[in-house]
Amino acid sequence: MPYSEVKAIAKSIATWTWKKITPQGLRELIERTHSPEKQRERGKLATNQAEFANTGGKGQRRI
């Protein structure tokens, strides 16, 4: 993808974000998506994925 296209997409996303996300809305989003329960779920998922990757996806540990 050409640099100019990446730059245009980034600018578009930044513009949308500045127009749509308020400080209060950002706080609400963070509270909604970063609760201790959600963080715990994400941690378990990341751990499971790391273990799976370490075994080559075969359920056995590579040596």
C-alpha atoms as a PDB file:
ATOM      1  CA  MET A   1       0.000   0.000   0.000  1.00  0.00           C
ATOM      2  CA  PRO A   2       1.490   3.363  -0.928  1.00  0.00           C
ATOM      3  CA  TYR A   3       2.562   5.715   1.859  1.00  0.00           C
ATOM      4  CA  SER A   4       0.146   8.413   0.646  1.00  0.00           C
ATOM      5  CA  GLU A   5      -2.780   6.008   1.008  1.00  0.00           C
ATOM      6  CA  VAL A   6      -1.732   4.997   4.527  1.00  0.00           C
ATOM      7  CA  LYS A   7      -1.382   8.680   5.449  1.00  0.00           C
ATOM      8  CA  ALA A   8      -4.848   9.488   4.071  1.00  0.00           C
ATOM      9  CA  ILE A   9      -6.454   6.613   5.991  1.00  0.00           C
ATOM     10  CA  ALA A  10      -4.709   7.652   9.218  1.00  0.00           C
ATOM     11  CA  LYS A  11      -5.861  11.239   8.739  1.00  0.00           C
ATOM     12  CA  SER A  12      -9.425  10.093   8.117  1.00  0.00           C
ATOM     13  CA  ILE A  13      -9.443   7.974  11.274  1.00  0.00           C
ATOM     14  CA  ALA A  14      -7.954  10.818  13.326  1.00  0.00           C
ATOM     15  CA  THR A  15     -10.550  13.276  12.030  1.00  0.00           C
ATOM     16  CA  TRP A  16     -13.419  10.886  12.800  1.00  0.00           C
ATOM     17  CA  THR A  17     -12.008  10.227  16.273  1.00  0.00           C
ATOM     18  CA  TRP A  18     -11.684  13.929  17.131  1.00  0.00           C
ATOM     19  CA  LYS A  19     -15.261  14.571  15.975  1.00  0.00           C
ATOM     20  CA  LYS A  20     -16.917  11.557  17.604  1.00  0.00           C
ATOM     21  CA  ILE A  21     -15.023  10.821  20.836  1.00  0.00           C
ATOM     22  CA  THR A  22     -15.479  13.206  23.739  1.00  0.00           C
ATOM     23  CA  PRO A  23     -13.412  13.060  26.948  1.00  0.00           C
ATOM     24  CA  GLN A  24     -16.460  11.672  28.796  1.00  0.00           C
ATOM     25  CA  GLY A  25     -17.095   9.148  26.029  1.00  0.00           C
ATOM     26  CA  LEU A  26     -13.480   7.997  26.190  1.00  0.00           C
ATOM     27  CA  ARG A  27     -13.693   7.519  29.959  1.00  0.00           C
ATOM     28  CA  GLU A  28     -16.889   5.475  29.519  1.00  0.00           C
ATOM     29  CA  LEU A  29     -15.265   3.351  26.823  1.00  0.00           C
ATOM     30  CA  ILE A  30     -12.261   2.627  29.031  1.00  0.00           C
ATOM     31  CA  GLU A  31     -14.465   1.752  32.002  1.00  0.00           C
ATOM     32  CA  ARG A  32     -16.576  -0.544  29.812  1.00  0.00           C
ATOM     33  CA  THR A  33     -13.678  -2.338  28.146  1.00  0.00           C
ATOM     34  CA  HIS A  34     -11.054  -2.461  30.905  1.00  0.00           C
ATOM     35  CA  SER A  35     -12.920  -3.917  33.852  1.00  0.00           C
ATOM     36  CA  PRO A  36     -10.984  -6.404  35.991  1.00  0.00           C
ATOM     37  CA  GLU A  37     -13.162  -9.222  34.616  1.00  0.00           C
ATOM     38  CA  LYS A  38     -12.410  -8.328  30.985  1.00  0.00           C
ATOM     39  CA  GLN A  39      -8.699  -7.929  31.710  1.00  0.00           C
ATOM     40  CA  ARG A  40      -8.675 -11.362  33.376  1.00  0.00           C
ATOM     41  CA  GLU A  41     -10.371 -12.903  30.311  1.00  0.00           C
ATOM     42  CA  ARG A  42      -7.825 -11.255  28.003  1.00  0.00           C
ATOM     43  CA  GLY A  43      -4.960 -12.493  30.152  1.00  0.00           C
ATOM     44  CA  LYS A  44      -6.248 -16.077  30.020  1.00  0.00           C
ATOM     45  CA  LEU A  45      -6.689 -15.872  26.264  1.00  0.00           C
ATOM     46  CA  ALA A  46      -3.175 -14.487  25.762  1.00  0.00           C
ATOM     47  CA  THR A  47      -1.706 -17.198  27.985  1.00  0.00           C
ATOM     48  CA  ASN A  48      -3.579 -19.929  26.114  1.00  0.00           C
ATOM     49  CA  GLN A  49      -2.445 -18.562  22.757  1.00  0.00           C
ATOM     50  CA  ALA A  50       1.178 -18.376  23.917  1.00  0.00           C
ATOM     51  CA  GLU A  51       1.062 -21.965  25.174  1.00  0.00           C
ATOM     52  CA  PHE A  52      -0.495 -23.087  21.888  1.00  0.00           C
ATOM     53  CA  ALA A  53       2.193 -21.290  19.882  1.00  0.00           C
ATOM     54  CA  ASN A  54       4.946 -22.815  22.029  1.00  0.00           C
ATOM     55  CA  THR A  55       3.663 -26.314  21.274  1.00  0.00           C
ATOM     56  CA  GLY A  56       3.516 -25.773  17.536  1.00  0.00           C
ATOM     57  CA  GLY A  57      -0.258 -26.141  17.728  1.00  0.00           C
ATOM     58  CA  LYS A  58       0.030 -29.888  18.468  1.00  0.00           C
ATOM     59  CA  GLY A  59      -0.603 -29.912  22.183  1.00  0.00           C
ATOM     60  CA  GLN A  60       2.959 -31.025  22.946  1.00  0.00           C
ATOM     61  CA  ARG A  61       5.845 -28.898  23.981  1.00  0.00           C
ATOM     62  CA  ARG A  62       8.650 -28.537  21.429  1.00  0.00           C
ATOM     63  CA  ILE A  63      12.147 -29.243  22.637  1.00  0.00           C
END
